[in-house]
Amino acid sequence: MVVLTFYSTHLALYAEKLAKEAGLKGKLMPVPRQLSSSCGLCLRLPEIEVDRALYLLEHSGVEGDGVHPLPER
């Protein structure tokens, strides 16, 4: 799994909405402590969907903060 982080809660919520509308399996979750983010929410996705999600977000004007592997618990 991979997480996409965002600069604001608004962008994270919008990214989740876009992902769901596109049929992606994205789900919002709190940003893991090991990662830093100015927002607090991230979008968790299967690694296979990341490229499609990034394309979708870029073409929808959603700027992300980063792409990170989901840290082990």
PDB file of N, CA and C in Angstrom:
ATOM      1  N   MET A   1       0.839  -1.183   0.000  1.00  0.00           N
ATOM      2  CA  MET A   1       0.000   0.000   0.000  1.00  0.00           C
ATOM      3  C   MET A   1       0.884   1.246   0.000  1.00  0.00           C
ATOM      4  N   VAL A   2       0.312   2.314  -0.538  1.00  0.00           N
ATOM      5  CA  VAL A   2       1.002   3.596  -0.664  1.00  0.00           C
ATOM      6  C   VAL A   2       0.063   4.668  -0.134  1.00  0.00           C
ATOM      7  N   VAL A   3       0.636   5.744   0.411  1.00  0.00           N
ATOM      8  CA  VAL A   3      -0.198   6.868   0.832  1.00  0.00           C
ATOM      9  C   VAL A   3       0.225   8.124   0.079  1.00  0.00           C
ATOM     10  N   LEU A   4      -0.770   8.907  -0.288  1.00  0.00           N
ATOM     11  CA  LEU A   4      -0.550  10.208  -0.906  1.00  0.00           C
ATOM     12  C   LEU A   4      -0.881  11.251   0.157  1.00  0.00           C
ATOM     13  N   THR A   5       0.048  12.167   0.388  1.00  0.00           N
ATOM     14  CA  THR A   5      -0.193  13.220   1.371  1.00  0.00           C
ATOM     15  C   THR A   5      -0.504  14.531   0.649  1.00  0.00           C
ATOM     16  N   PHE A   6      -1.173  15.423   1.368  1.00  0.00           N
ATOM     17  CA  PHE A   6      -1.660  16.666   0.779  1.00  0.00           C
ATOM     18  C   PHE A   6      -1.359  17.846   1.690  1.00  0.00           C
ATOM     19  N   TYR A   7      -1.417  19.037   1.128  1.00  0.00           N
ATOM     20  CA  TYR A   7      -1.134  20.263   1.862  1.00  0.00           C
ATOM     21  C   TYR A   7      -2.309  20.727   2.720  1.00  0.00           C
ATOM     22  N   SER A   8      -3.510  20.243   2.407  1.00  0.00           N
ATOM     23  CA  SER A   8      -4.676  20.678   3.177  1.00  0.00           C
ATOM     24  C   SER A   8      -5.706  19.554   3.258  1.00  0.00           C
ATOM     25  N   THR A   9      -6.542  19.658   4.265  1.00  0.00           N
ATOM     26  CA  THR A   9      -7.627  18.689   4.434  1.00  0.00           C
ATOM     27  C   THR A   9      -8.579  18.755   3.243  1.00  0.00           C
ATOM     28  N   HIS A  10      -8.826  19.957   2.756  1.00  0.00           N
ATOM     29  CA  HIS A  10      -9.717  20.135   1.604  1.00  0.00           C
ATOM     30  C   HIS A  10      -9.205  19.336   0.397  1.00  0.00           C
ATOM     31  N   LEU A  11      -7.904  19.420   0.126  1.00  0.00           N
ATOM     32  CA  LEU A  11      -7.338  18.684  -1.010  1.00  0.00           C
ATOM     33  C   LEU A  11      -7.428  17.174  -0.793  1.00  0.00           C
ATOM     34  N   ALA A  12      -7.214  16.724   0.426  1.00  0.00           N
ATOM     35  CA  ALA A  12      -7.307  15.292   0.725  1.00  0.00           C
ATOM     36  C   ALA A  12      -8.738  14.789   0.502  1.00  0.00           C
ATOM     37  N   LEU A  13      -9.707  15.545   0.966  1.00  0.00           N
ATOM     38  CA  LEU A  13     -11.109  15.157   0.781  1.00  0.00           C
ATOM     39  C   LEU A  13     -11.490  15.135  -0.698  1.00  0.00           C
ATOM     40  N   TYR A  14     -11.038  16.129  -1.431  1.00  0.00           N
ATOM     41  CA  TYR A  14     -11.328  16.205  -2.862  1.00  0.00           C
ATOM     42  C   TYR A  14     -10.644  15.047  -3.605  1.00  0.00           C
ATOM     43  N   ALA A  15      -9.428  14.720  -3.218  1.00  0.00           N
ATOM     44  CA  ALA A  15      -8.708  13.608  -3.843  1.00  0.00           C
ATOM     45  C   ALA A  15      -9.454  12.295  -3.613  1.00  0.00           C
ATOM     46  N   GLU A  16      -9.971  12.098  -2.413  1.00  0.00           N
ATOM     47  CA  GLU A  16     -10.735  10.880  -2.138  1.00  0.00           C
ATOM     48  C   GLU A  16     -11.985  10.820  -3.016  1.00  0.00           C
ATOM     49  N   LYS A  17     -12.668  11.945  -3.149  1.00  0.00           N
ATOM     50  CA  LYS A  17     -13.878  12.004  -3.979  1.00  0.00           C
ATOM     51  C   LYS A  17     -13.541  11.655  -5.430  1.00  0.00           C
ATOM     52  N   LEU A  18     -12.476  12.239  -5.965  1.00  0.00           N
ATOM     53  CA  LEU A  18     -12.070  11.953  -7.338  1.00  0.00           C
ATOM     54  C   LEU A  18     -11.691  10.480  -7.515  1.00  0.00           C
ATOM     55  N   ALA A  19     -10.973   9.944  -6.550  1.00  0.00           N
ATOM     56  CA  ALA A  19     -10.551   8.539  -6.626  1.00  0.00           C
ATOM     57  C   ALA A  19     -11.768   7.615  -6.646  1.00  0.00           C
ATOM     58  N   LYS A  20     -12.726   7.866  -5.774  1.00  0.00           N
ATOM     59  CA  LYS A  20     -13.928   7.026  -5.730  1.00  0.00           C
ATOM     60  C   LYS A  20     -14.727   7.127  -7.030  1.00  0.00           C
ATOM     61  N   GLU A  21     -14.858   8.341  -7.554  1.00  0.00           N
ATOM     62  CA  GLU A  21     -15.592   8.525  -8.811  1.00  0.00           C
ATOM     63  C   GLU A  21     -14.914   7.796  -9.962  1.00  0.00           C
ATOM     64  N   ALA A  22     -13.586   7.645  -9.889  1.00  0.00           N
ATOM     65  CA  ALA A  22     -12.826   6.958 -10.944  1.00  0.00           C
ATOM     66  C   ALA A  22     -12.751   5.457 -10.711  1.00  0.00           C
ATOM     67  N   GLY A  23     -13.363   4.980  -9.632  1.00  0.00           N
ATOM     68  CA  GLY A  23     -13.364   3.550  -9.362  1.00  0.00           C
ATOM     69  C   GLY A  23     -12.101   3.044  -8.684  1.00  0.00           C
ATOM     70  N   LEU A  24     -11.292   3.949  -8.143  1.00  0.00           N
ATOM     71  CA  LEU A  24     -10.087   3.540  -7.426  1.00  0.00           C
ATOM     72  C   LEU A  24     -10.448   3.150  -5.995  1.00  0.00           C
ATOM     73  N   LYS A  25      -9.583   2.380  -5.378  1.00  0.00           N
ATOM     74  CA  LYS A  25      -9.848   1.890  -4.026  1.00  0.00           C
ATOM     75  C   LYS A  25      -9.216   2.774  -2.964  1.00  0.00           C
ATOM     76  N   GLY A  26      -9.142   4.062  -3.215  1.00  0.00           N
ATOM     77  CA  GLY A  26      -8.545   4.998  -2.270  1.00  0.00           C
ATOM     78  C   GLY A  26      -9.411   5.206  -1.052  1.00  0.00           C
ATOM     79  N   LYS A  27      -8.747   5.353   0.108  1.00  0.00           N
ATOM     80  CA  LYS A  27      -9.465   5.585   1.359  1.00  0.00           C
ATOM     81  C   LYS A  27      -8.654   6.553   2.214  1.00  0.00           C
ATOM     82  N   LEU A  28      -9.349   7.536   2.789  1.00  0.00           N
ATOM     83  CA  LEU A  28      -8.672   8.483   3.665  1.00  0.00           C
ATOM     84  C   LEU A  28      -8.317   7.830   4.993  1.00  0.00           C
ATOM     85  N   MET A  29      -7.177   8.239   5.522  1.00  0.00           N
ATOM     86  CA  MET A  29      -6.741   7.773   6.837  1.00  0.00           C
ATOM     87  C   MET A  29      -5.846   8.846   7.444  1.00  0.00           C
ATOM     88  N   PRO A  30      -5.633   8.801   8.764  1.00  0.00           N
ATOM     89  CA  PRO A  30      -4.685   9.745   9.364  1.00  0.00           C
ATOM     90  C   PRO A  30      -3.274   9.488   8.835  1.00  0.00           C
ATOM     91  N   VAL A  31      -2.498  10.538   8.671  1.00  0.00           N
ATOM     92  CA  VAL A  31      -1.119  10.385   8.221  1.00  0.00           C
ATOM     93  C   VAL A  31      -0.341   9.632   9.299  1.00  0.00           C
ATOM     94  N   PRO A  32       0.350   8.552   8.933  1.00  0.00           N
ATOM     95  CA  PRO A  32       1.161   7.830   9.928  1.00  0.00           C
ATOM     96  C   PRO A  32       2.201   8.755  10.572  1.00  0.00           C
ATOM     97  N   ARG A  33       2.503   8.510  11.810  1.00  0.00           N
ATOM     98  CA  ARG A  33       3.432   9.366  12.559  1.00  0.00           C
ATOM     99  C   ARG A  33       4.808   9.457  11.913  1.00  0.00           C
ATOM    100  N   GLN A  34       5.207   8.389  11.209  1.00  0.00           N
ATOM    101  CA  GLN A  34       6.529   8.371  10.582  1.00  0.00           C
ATOM    102  C   GLN A  34       6.637   9.360   9.426  1.00  0.00           C
ATOM    103  N   LEU A  35       5.507   9.789   8.919  1.00  0.00           N
ATOM    104  CA  LEU A  35       5.480  10.731   7.790  1.00  0.00           C
ATOM    105  C   LEU A  35       5.054  12.094   8.297  1.00  0.00           C
ATOM    106  N   SER A  36       5.571  13.123   7.679  1.00  0.00           N
ATOM    107  CA  SER A  36       5.137  14.454   8.067  1.00  0.00           C
ATOM    108  C   SER A  36       4.217  15.016   6.997  1.00  0.00           C
ATOM    109  N   SER A  37       3.248  15.765   7.438  1.00  0.00           N
ATOM    110  CA  SER A  37       2.321  16.403   6.512  1.00  0.00           C
ATOM    111  C   SER A  37       1.701  17.601   7.215  1.00  0.00           C
ATOM    112  N   SER A  38       1.430  18.630   6.455  1.00  0.00           N
ATOM    113  CA  SER A  38       0.790  19.796   7.050  1.00  0.00           C
ATOM    114  C   SER A  38      -0.715  19.605   7.176  1.00  0.00           C
ATOM    115  N   CYS A  39      -1.218  18.471   6.725  1.00  0.00           N
ATOM    116  CA  CYS A  39      -2.656  18.260   6.677  1.00  0.00           C
ATOM    117  C   CYS A  39      -3.168  17.350   7.792  1.00  0.00           C
ATOM    118  N   GLY A  40      -2.637  16.167   7.916  1.00  0.00           N
ATOM    119  CA  GLY A  40      -3.129  15.217   8.905  1.00  0.00           C
ATOM    120  C   GLY A  40      -3.909  14.072   8.294  1.00  0.00           C
ATOM    121  N   LEU A  41      -4.346  14.225   7.037  1.00  0.00           N
ATOM    122  CA  LEU A  41      -5.040  13.156   6.323  1.00  0.00           C
ATOM    123  C   LEU A  41      -4.247  12.755   5.090  1.00  0.00           C
ATOM    124  N   CYS A  42      -4.324  11.472   4.760  1.00  0.00           N
ATOM    125  CA  CYS A  42      -3.687  10.998   3.534  1.00  0.00           C
ATOM    126  C   CYS A  42      -4.631  10.026   2.844  1.00  0.00           C
ATOM    127  N   LEU A  43      -4.355   9.751   1.590  1.00  0.00           N
ATOM    128  CA  LEU A  43      -5.155   8.829   0.797  1.00  0.00           C
ATOM    129  C   LEU A  43      -4.364   7.546   0.624  1.00  0.00           C
ATOM    130  N   ARG A  44      -4.898   6.448   1.158  1.00  0.00           N
ATOM    131  CA  ARG A  44      -4.245   5.142   1.047  1.00  0.00           C
ATOM    132  C   ARG A  44      -4.749   4.450  -0.217  1.00  0.00           C
ATOM    133  N   LEU A  45      -3.805   3.923  -0.992  1.00  0.00           N
ATOM    134  CA  LEU A  45      -4.138   3.264  -2.259  1.00  0.00           C
ATOM    135  C   LEU A  45      -3.287   2.014  -2.437  1.00  0.00           C
ATOM    136  N   PRO A  46      -3.811   1.028  -3.175  1.00  0.00           N
ATOM    137  CA  PRO A  46      -2.944  -0.070  -3.587  1.00  0.00           C
ATOM    138  C   PRO A  46      -1.866   0.485  -4.522  1.00  0.00           C
ATOM    139  N   GLU A  47      -0.674  -0.044  -4.422  1.00  0.00           N
ATOM    140  CA  GLU A  47       0.446   0.462  -5.218  1.00  0.00           C
ATOM    141  C   GLU A  47       0.143   0.455  -6.709  1.00  0.00           C
ATOM    142  N   ILE A  48      -0.614  -0.513  -7.170  1.00  0.00           N
ATOM    143  CA  ILE A  48      -0.922  -0.636  -8.595  1.00  0.00           C
ATOM    144  C   ILE A  48      -1.780   0.534  -9.106  1.00  0.00           C
ATOM    145  N   GLU A  49      -2.471   1.241  -8.223  1.00  0.00           N
ATOM    146  CA  GLU A  49      -3.347   2.342  -8.625  1.00  0.00           C
ATOM    147  C   GLU A  49      -2.698   3.721  -8.538  1.00  0.00           C
ATOM    148  N   VAL A  50      -1.472   3.793  -8.064  1.00  0.00           N
ATOM    149  CA  VAL A  50      -0.836   5.089  -7.804  1.00  0.00           C
ATOM    150  C   VAL A  50      -0.676   5.923  -9.076  1.00  0.00           C
ATOM    151  N   ASP A  51      -0.152   5.333 -10.139  1.00  0.00           N
ATOM    152  CA  ASP A  51       0.053   6.106 -11.367  1.00  0.00           C
ATOM    153  C   ASP A  51      -1.260   6.678 -11.892  1.00  0.00           C
ATOM    154  N   ARG A  52      -2.300   5.875 -11.873  1.00  0.00           N
ATOM    155  CA  ARG A  52      -3.614   6.346 -12.345  1.00  0.00           C
ATOM    156  C   ARG A  52      -4.137   7.466 -11.441  1.00  0.00           C
ATOM    157  N   ALA A  53      -3.962   7.305 -10.137  1.00  0.00           N
ATOM    158  CA  ALA A  53      -4.423   8.328  -9.198  1.00  0.00           C
ATOM    159  C   ALA A  53      -3.662   9.632  -9.396  1.00  0.00           C
ATOM    160  N   LEU A  54      -2.352   9.544  -9.556  1.00  0.00           N
ATOM    161  CA  LEU A  54      -1.552  10.758  -9.754  1.00  0.00           C
ATOM    162  C   LEU A  54      -1.936  11.472 -11.045  1.00  0.00           C
ATOM    163  N   TYR A  55      -2.175  10.713 -12.096  1.00  0.00           N
ATOM    164  CA  TYR A  55      -2.618  11.305 -13.365  1.00  0.00           C
ATOM    165  C   TYR A  55      -3.954  12.025 -13.160  1.00  0.00           C
ATOM    166  N   LEU A  56      -4.875  11.354 -12.511  1.00  0.00           N
ATOM    167  CA  LEU A  56      -6.201  11.919 -12.264  1.00  0.00           C
ATOM    168  C   LEU A  56      -6.106  13.202 -11.437  1.00  0.00           C
ATOM    169  N   LEU A  57      -5.322  13.159 -10.375  1.00  0.00           N
ATOM    170  CA  LEU A  57      -5.206  14.330  -9.510  1.00  0.00           C
ATOM    171  C   LEU A  57      -4.537  15.493 -10.229  1.00  0.00           C
ATOM    172  N   GLU A  58      -3.476  15.203 -10.972  1.00  0.00           N
ATOM    173  CA  GLU A  58      -2.778  16.260 -11.702  1.00  0.00           C
ATOM    174  C   GLU A  58      -3.702  16.949 -12.701  1.00  0.00           C
ATOM    175  N   HIS A  59      -4.498  16.163 -13.410  1.00  0.00           N
ATOM    176  CA  HIS A  59      -5.390  16.727 -14.423  1.00  0.00           C
ATOM    177  C   HIS A  59      -6.662  17.344 -13.829  1.00  0.00           C
ATOM    178  N   SER A  60      -6.817  17.194 -12.517  1.00  0.00           N
ATOM    179  CA  SER A  60      -7.942  17.826 -11.825  1.00  0.00           C
ATOM    180  C   SER A  60      -7.481  19.021 -11.000  1.00  0.00           C
ATOM    181  N   GLY A  61      -6.193  19.337 -11.077  1.00  0.00           N
ATOM    182  CA  GLY A  61      -5.666  20.494 -10.371  1.00  0.00           C
ATOM    183  C   GLY A  61      -5.400  20.274  -8.891  1.00  0.00           C
ATOM    184  N   VAL A  62      -5.308  19.010  -8.462  1.00  0.00           N
ATOM    185  CA  VAL A  62      -5.043  18.711  -7.056  1.00  0.00           C
ATOM    186  C   VAL A  62      -3.545  18.496  -6.872  1.00  0.00           C
ATOM    187  N   GLU A  63      -2.923  19.378  -6.093  1.00  0.00           N
ATOM    188  CA  GLU A  63      -1.493  19.276  -5.851  1.00  0.00           C
ATOM    189  C   GLU A  63      -1.248  18.483  -4.574  1.00  0.00           C
ATOM    190  N   GLY A  64      -0.470  17.426  -4.700  1.00  0.00           N
ATOM    191  CA  GLY A  64      -0.150  16.610  -3.539  1.00  0.00           C
ATOM    192  C   GLY A  64       1.153  17.031  -2.893  1.00  0.00           C
ATOM    193  N   ASP A  65       1.354  16.543  -1.678  1.00  0.00           N
ATOM    194  CA  ASP A  65       2.570  16.822  -0.917  1.00  0.00           C
ATOM    195  C   ASP A  65       3.618  15.742  -1.146  1.00  0.00           C
ATOM    196  N   GLY A  66       3.173  14.494  -1.372  1.00  0.00           N
ATOM    197  CA  GLY A  66       4.127  13.420  -1.597  1.00  0.00           C
ATOM    198  C   GLY A  66       3.470  12.068  -1.729  1.00  0.00           C
ATOM    199  N   VAL A  67       4.272  11.109  -2.180  1.00  0.00           N
ATOM    200  CA  VAL A  67       3.860   9.714  -2.310  1.00  0.00           C
ATOM    201  C   VAL A  67       4.807   8.906  -1.444  1.00  0.00           C
ATOM    202  N   HIS A  68       4.246   8.105  -0.542  1.00  0.00           N
ATOM    203  CA  HIS A  68       5.064   7.371   0.418  1.00  0.00           C
ATOM    204  C   HIS A  68       4.577   5.935   0.554  1.00  0.00           C
ATOM    205  N   PRO A  69       5.509   4.993   0.715  1.00  0.00           N
ATOM    206  CA  PRO A  69       5.069   3.645   1.043  1.00  0.00           C
ATOM    207  C   PRO A  69       4.450   3.675   2.442  1.00  0.00           C
ATOM    208  N   LEU A  70       3.417   2.896   2.643  1.00  0.00           N
ATOM    209  CA  LEU A  70       2.763   2.838   3.945  1.00  0.00           C
ATOM    210  C   LEU A  70       3.710   2.160   4.927  1.00  0.00           C
ATOM    211  N   PRO A  71       4.101   2.864   5.990  1.00  0.00           N
ATOM    212  CA  PRO A  71       5.042   2.272   6.956  1.00  0.00           C
ATOM    213  C   PRO A  71       4.443   1.033   7.636  1.00  0.00           C
ATOM    214  N   GLU A  72       5.312   0.085   7.956  1.00  0.00           N
ATOM    215  CA  GLU A  72       4.877  -1.106   8.692  1.00  0.00           C
ATOM    216  C   GLU A  72       4.477  -0.693  10.103  1.00  0.00           C
ATOM    217  N   ARG A  73       3.547  -1.417  10.678  1.00  0.00           N
ATOM    218  CA  ARG A  73       3.094  -1.104  12.038  1.00  0.00           C
ATOM    219  C   ARG A  73       4.038  -1.630  13.059  1.00  0.00           C
TER     220      ARG A  73
END
